[in-house]
C-alpha atoms as a PDB file:
ATOM      1  CA  MET A   1     103.853  28.153 137.757  1.00  0.00           C
ATOM      2  CA  PRO A   2     100.824  27.900 135.213  1.00  0.00           C
ATOM      3  CA  GLU A   3      99.105  31.156 133.945  1.00  0.00           C
ATOM      4  CA  LEU A   4      96.011  31.927 134.832  1.00  0.00           C
ATOM      5  CA  PRO A   5      93.273  32.666 131.917  1.00  0.00           C
ATOM      6  CA  ASP A   6      91.950  35.993 131.815  1.00  0.00           C
ATOM      7  CA  PRO A   7      88.445  36.363 133.225  1.00  0.00           C
ATOM      8  CA  PRO A   8      85.924  36.770 130.975  1.00  0.00           C
ATOM      9  CA  GLU A   9      84.741  40.436 129.949  1.00  0.00           C
ATOM     10  CA  THR A  10      81.743  41.515 131.964  1.00  0.00           C
ATOM     11  CA  GLN A  11      79.552  43.747 130.118  1.00  0.00           C
ATOM     12  CA  PRO A  12      77.383  46.008 132.331  1.00  0.00           C
ATOM     13  CA  THR A  13      73.545  44.672 132.340  1.00  0.00           C
ATOM     14  CA  GLU A  14      71.300  47.377 130.884  1.00  0.00           C
ATOM     15  CA  ARG A  15      68.427  48.309 132.907  1.00  0.00           C
ATOM     16  CA  VAL A  16      65.310  46.866 132.058  1.00  0.00           C
ATOM     17  CA  HIS A  17      61.667  48.928 132.786  1.00  0.00           C
ATOM     18  CA  GLN A  18      58.653  47.051 133.383  1.00  0.00           C
ATOM     19  CA  PHE A  19      55.292  48.480 132.272  1.00  0.00           C
ATOM     20  CA  THR A  20      52.148  47.213 133.660  1.00  0.00           C
ATOM     21  CA  VAL A  21      48.866  47.312 131.382  1.00  0.00           C
ATOM     22  CA  ASN A  22      45.718  46.868 133.550  1.00  0.00           C
ATOM     23  CA  ARG A  23      42.204  46.145 132.245  1.00  0.00           C
ATOM     24  CA  GLY A  24      40.130  47.893 135.624  1.00  0.00           C
ATOM     25  CA  MET A  25      41.978  46.305 138.243  1.00  0.00           C
ATOM     26  CA  THR A  26      43.346  43.354 136.644  1.00  0.00           C
ATOM     27  CA  PRO A  27      46.934  43.502 135.189  1.00  0.00           C
ATOM     28  CA  VAL A  28      46.751  41.932 131.538  1.00  0.00           C
ATOM     29  CA  LEU A  29      50.007  42.893 130.188  1.00  0.00           C
ATOM     30  CA  VAL A  30      53.710  43.345 131.127  1.00  0.00           C
ATOM     31  CA  ILE A  31      56.147  44.960 128.770  1.00  0.00           C
ATOM     32  CA  GLU A  32      60.061  45.027 129.204  1.00  0.00           C
ATOM     33  CA  THR A  33      61.979  47.031 127.414  1.00  0.00           C
ATOM     34  CA  THR A  34      65.415  48.720 127.810  1.00  0.00           C
ATOM     35  CA  SER A  35      64.426  51.809 126.485  1.00  0.00           C
ATOM     36  CA  TRP A  36      62.040  53.828 128.874  1.00  0.00           C
ATOM     37  CA  TYR A  37      60.415  55.913 126.261  1.00  0.00           C
ATOM     38  CA  LEU A  38      59.474  53.096 123.775  1.00  0.00           C
ATOM     39  CA  GLY A  39      57.787  51.463 126.846  1.00  0.00           C
ATOM     40  CA  LEU A  40      56.195  54.241 127.529  1.00  0.00           C
ATOM     41  CA  LEU A  41      54.708  54.421 124.154  1.00  0.00           C
ATOM     42  CA  GLN A  42      54.087  50.726 123.869  1.00  0.00           C
ATOM     43  CA  ALA A  43      51.998  50.804 127.133  1.00  0.00           C
ATOM     44  CA  ALA A  44      49.665  53.646 125.732  1.00  0.00           C
ATOM     45  CA  LEU A  45      49.142  51.921 122.840  1.00  0.00           C
ATOM     46  CA  ALA A  46      48.223  48.778 124.449  1.00  0.00           C
ATOM     47  CA  ARG A  47      45.612  50.753 126.553  1.00  0.00           C
ATOM     48  CA  VAL A  48      44.280  52.281 123.438  1.00  0.00           C
ATOM     49  CA  ALA A  49      43.951  48.758 121.924  1.00  0.00           C
ATOM     50  CA  LEU A  50      42.446  47.206 124.971  1.00  0.00           C
ATOM     51  CA  GLU A  51      39.999  50.081 126.106  1.00  0.00           C
ATOM     52  CA  GLY A  52      39.036  51.255 122.941  1.00  0.00           C
ATOM     53  CA  GLN A  53      39.205  54.745 121.938  1.00  0.00           C
ATOM     54  CA  ASN A  54      37.064  56.245 124.705  1.00  0.00           C
END
């Protein structure tokens, strides 16, 4: 009986977090990242860049 090949190694997928940056009611940017803190920081910086520093 022929030997069956080993199944491919499956790595656990990393969780992807999505952060939506809105301008008024309109979503203008969606940030996807595997690091929650990095995504939160990027979203905050994007809001500052879009809205100004008011």
